[in-house]
Amino acid sequence: MKSNRRQFIKQCMLLYGSVLFLPSCRPSAAPVWYSGFTAQEASAIDAICEQLIPADDYPGAREAGVIHYIDKLLYQRFPQHKQTYRQGLAGVEACSQALYGNSFAELTGAQQIAMLELMERGELPARYWPQTTQKAFFELILAHTMQGFYGSPRHGGNKDYVSYRMMKLDYPLLIGQNRYEK
């Protein structure tokens, strides 16, 4: 098979165009991978964080990527909290199933808030919390949610500086260079 230079260039351009077309063929929503959580655990943490810092006029914990901050925190910096999270999430899921017959992430917002209020006061059934206390787990996840939402994006949370924009802070934060509204 003999081809000339012009046909070769046409074939190369066609091949190049086909290669450029391939990225648009992949699915739009790629699966999210977590280092330390199963998909069910991650969805429960995400739902808890979203109830602790919900979206209103500004994005909430979900849009700020707090789940990624917590995942990175437990995987890289504080692996000793992994067991507390696993035990706490098991307690949350067991209580959710017992009280409402569904996983925590599937509950309505009002049901999630009611459960979190009971957990904060330590009033969920104790039989579902054999290894950790519900109050300790609530305080830990609340602290990590606040850190992930208000902290620097370089640590994995506060995606797109959502809390900085909410507080009307300049970003990236440069010490001595911030200008605040009066």
Protein backbone atom coordinates (compact mmCIF):
# COMPACT_ATOMS: atom_id res chain seq x y z
CA MET A 1 0.00 0.00 0.00
CA LYS A 2 1.53 3.20 -1.17
CA SER A 3 0.47 6.62 0.12
CA ASN A 4 1.71 10.08 -0.58
CA ARG A 5 2.66 12.80 1.85
CA ARG A 6 -0.70 14.60 1.60
CA GLN A 7 -2.68 11.46 2.54
CA PHE A 8 -0.30 10.79 5.41
CA ILE A 9 -0.86 14.30 6.82
CA LYS A 10 -4.66 13.89 6.49
CA GLN A 11 -4.52 10.58 8.34
CA CYS A 12 -2.38 12.09 11.11
CA MET A 13 -4.79 15.01 11.51
CA LEU A 14 -7.73 12.61 11.67
CA LEU A 15 -5.95 10.52 14.30
CA TYR A 16 -5.04 13.66 16.31
CA GLY A 17 -8.64 14.88 16.20
CA SER A 18 -9.87 11.49 17.38
CA VAL A 19 -7.47 11.53 20.30
CA LEU A 20 -8.74 14.99 21.31
CA PHE A 21 -12.31 13.68 21.21
CA LEU A 22 -11.66 10.80 23.67
CA PRO A 23 -11.69 12.82 26.93
CA SER A 24 -15.25 13.92 26.26
CA CYS A 25 -16.33 10.27 26.09
CA ARG A 26 -15.61 9.47 29.73
CA PRO A 27 -18.36 9.63 32.34
CA SER A 28 -19.00 13.05 33.81
CA ALA A 29 -19.00 12.00 37.47
CA ALA A 30 -15.87 10.08 38.34
CA PRO A 31 -16.04 7.99 41.51
CA VAL A 32 -14.48 9.63 44.56
CA TRP A 33 -11.88 7.59 46.41
CA TYR A 34 -11.19 7.99 50.10
CA SER A 35 -8.07 6.80 51.88
CA GLY A 36 -9.65 5.72 55.11
CA PHE A 37 -13.42 5.42 54.64
CA THR A 38 -15.84 3.18 52.85
CA ALA A 39 -18.43 4.87 50.64
CA GLN A 40 -21.11 4.42 53.33
CA GLU A 41 -18.88 5.88 56.05
CA ALA A 42 -17.93 8.82 53.82
CA SER A 43 -21.57 9.59 53.01
CA ALA A 44 -22.46 9.50 56.73
CA ILE A 45 -19.58 11.84 57.60
CA ASP A 46 -20.53 14.14 54.74
CA ALA A 47 -24.16 14.25 55.96
CA ILE A 48 -23.08 14.96 59.55
CA CYS A 49 -20.72 17.74 58.44
CA GLU A 50 -23.42 19.27 56.23
CA GLN A 51 -25.81 19.39 59.19
CA LEU A 52 -23.13 20.99 61.39
CA ILE A 53 -22.33 23.69 58.80
CA PRO A 54 -25.26 23.78 56.38
CA ALA A 55 -25.38 25.77 53.17
CA ASP A 56 -27.38 28.98 53.30
CA ASP A 57 -26.46 32.15 51.43
CA TYR A 58 -22.94 30.70 51.37
CA PRO A 59 -21.76 27.15 50.68
CA GLY A 60 -21.76 24.65 53.52
CA ALA A 61 -19.43 21.89 54.63
CA ARG A 62 -20.24 19.69 51.64
CA GLU A 63 -19.27 22.35 49.09
CA ALA A 64 -16.17 23.20 51.13
CA GLY A 65 -14.96 19.59 50.84
CA VAL A 66 -14.75 19.00 54.61
CA ILE A 67 -14.96 15.23 54.06
CA HIS A 68 -11.67 15.40 52.13
CA TYR A 69 -10.06 17.35 54.95
CA ILE A 70 -11.16 14.75 57.51
CA ASP A 71 -10.03 11.89 55.27
CA LYS A 72 -6.61 13.49 54.76
CA LEU A 73 -6.34 14.35 58.47
CA LEU A 74 -6.99 10.78 59.59
CA TYR A 75 -4.84 9.21 56.89
CA GLN A 76 -1.79 11.46 57.22
CA ARG A 77 -1.71 13.28 60.54
CA PHE A 78 -3.85 11.62 63.19
CA PRO A 79 -4.36 7.92 62.44
CA GLN A 80 -5.17 7.33 66.13
CA HIS A 81 -8.61 8.89 65.49
CA LYS A 82 -9.50 6.34 62.78
CA GLN A 83 -10.79 3.84 65.32
CA THR A 84 -12.90 6.49 67.06
CA TYR A 85 -14.43 7.44 63.71
CA ARG A 86 -15.16 3.82 62.80
CA GLN A 87 -16.77 3.11 66.17
CA GLY A 88 -18.68 6.40 66.15
CA LEU A 89 -19.96 5.88 62.62
CA ALA A 90 -21.03 2.34 63.52
CA GLY A 91 -22.98 3.79 66.45
CA VAL A 92 -24.55 6.47 64.25
CA GLU A 93 -25.62 3.91 61.65
CA ALA A 94 -26.97 1.47 64.26
CA CYS A 95 -28.97 4.22 65.99
CA SER A 96 -30.24 5.50 62.67
CA GLN A 97 -31.43 2.04 61.66
CA ALA A 98 -33.03 1.45 65.06
CA LEU A 99 -34.79 4.82 65.30
CA TYR A 100 -35.70 5.48 61.66
CA GLY A 101 -35.09 2.26 59.73
CA ASN A 102 -32.61 3.86 57.32
CA SER A 103 -28.94 4.84 57.09
CA PHE A 104 -28.01 8.27 58.43
CA ALA A 105 -27.20 9.72 55.01
CA GLU A 106 -30.66 8.69 53.75
CA LEU A 107 -32.58 10.38 56.58
CA THR A 108 -34.38 13.68 56.11
CA GLY A 109 -32.66 16.82 57.33
CA ALA A 110 -34.99 17.08 60.35
CA GLN A 111 -34.29 13.47 61.34
CA GLN A 112 -30.53 14.00 61.00
CA ILE A 113 -30.68 17.14 63.16
CA ALA A 114 -32.78 15.36 65.80
CA MET A 115 -30.27 12.52 65.94
CA LEU A 116 -27.29 14.87 66.18
CA GLU A 117 -28.97 16.80 69.01
CA LEU A 118 -29.49 13.54 70.90
CA MET A 119 -25.90 12.52 70.23
CA GLU A 120 -24.57 15.87 71.47
CA ARG A 121 -26.46 15.44 74.75
CA GLY A 122 -25.49 11.75 74.99
CA GLU A 123 -29.10 10.60 74.87
CA LEU A 124 -28.98 8.03 72.05
CA PRO A 125 -29.38 4.39 73.17
CA ALA A 126 -26.13 3.45 74.92
CA ARG A 127 -26.18 -0.15 73.63
CA TYR A 128 -25.09 1.13 70.20
CA TRP A 129 -22.01 2.85 71.63
CA PRO A 130 -20.01 0.06 73.32
CA GLN A 131 -16.47 1.29 72.59
CA THR A 132 -16.74 5.08 72.39
CA THR A 133 -19.07 7.65 73.86
CA GLN A 134 -21.43 9.48 71.57
CA LYS A 135 -20.54 12.84 73.12
CA ALA A 136 -16.81 12.28 72.48
CA PHE A 137 -17.49 11.31 68.87
CA PHE A 138 -19.76 14.32 68.38
CA GLU A 139 -17.14 16.71 69.78
CA LEU A 140 -14.40 15.15 67.62
CA ILE A 141 -16.33 15.36 64.36
CA LEU A 142 -17.54 18.88 65.23
CA ALA A 143 -13.94 20.04 65.82
CA HIS A 144 -12.75 18.44 62.57
CA THR A 145 -15.67 19.94 60.63
CA MET A 146 -14.85 23.41 61.91
CA GLN A 147 -11.16 22.94 61.09
CA GLY A 148 -11.96 21.71 57.59
CA PHE A 149 -14.36 24.54 56.87
CA TYR A 150 -12.46 27.48 58.34
CA GLY A 151 -8.88 26.29 57.85
CA SER A 152 -6.55 26.85 54.94
CA PRO A 153 -7.40 25.03 51.69
CA ARG A 154 -3.90 23.59 51.56
CA HIS A 155 -4.96 21.14 54.27
CA GLY A 156 -7.73 19.62 52.15
CA GLY A 157 -10.87 21.52 53.16
CA ASN A 158 -12.24 25.02 52.54
CA LYS A 159 -12.42 24.33 48.82
CA ASP A 160 -12.33 27.48 46.70
CA TYR A 161 -11.88 29.54 49.90
CA VAL A 162 -15.60 29.36 50.69
CA SER A 163 -15.23 30.34 54.36
CA TYR A 164 -12.82 33.15 53.50
CA ARG A 165 -15.37 34.58 51.07
CA MET A 166 -18.12 34.18 53.67
CA MET A 167 -16.06 36.15 56.22
CA LYS A 168 -15.00 38.62 53.52
CA LEU A 169 -11.31 37.85 53.97
CA ASP A 170 -8.77 38.28 51.23
CA TYR A 171 -7.42 35.05 49.82
CA PRO A 172 -4.88 33.66 49.59
CA LEU A 173 -4.30 34.84 53.10
CA LEU A 174 -1.18 36.96 53.34
CA ILE A 175 -0.27 38.07 56.84
CA GLY A 176 -0.17 41.86 56.99
CA GLN A 177 -1.87 42.26 53.62
CA ASN A 178 -5.51 41.72 54.55
CA ARG A 179 -7.93 44.57 54.15
CA TYR A 180 -11.12 44.35 56.17
CA GLU A 181 -14.37 46.16 55.56
CA LYS A 182 -15.32 48.66 58.26
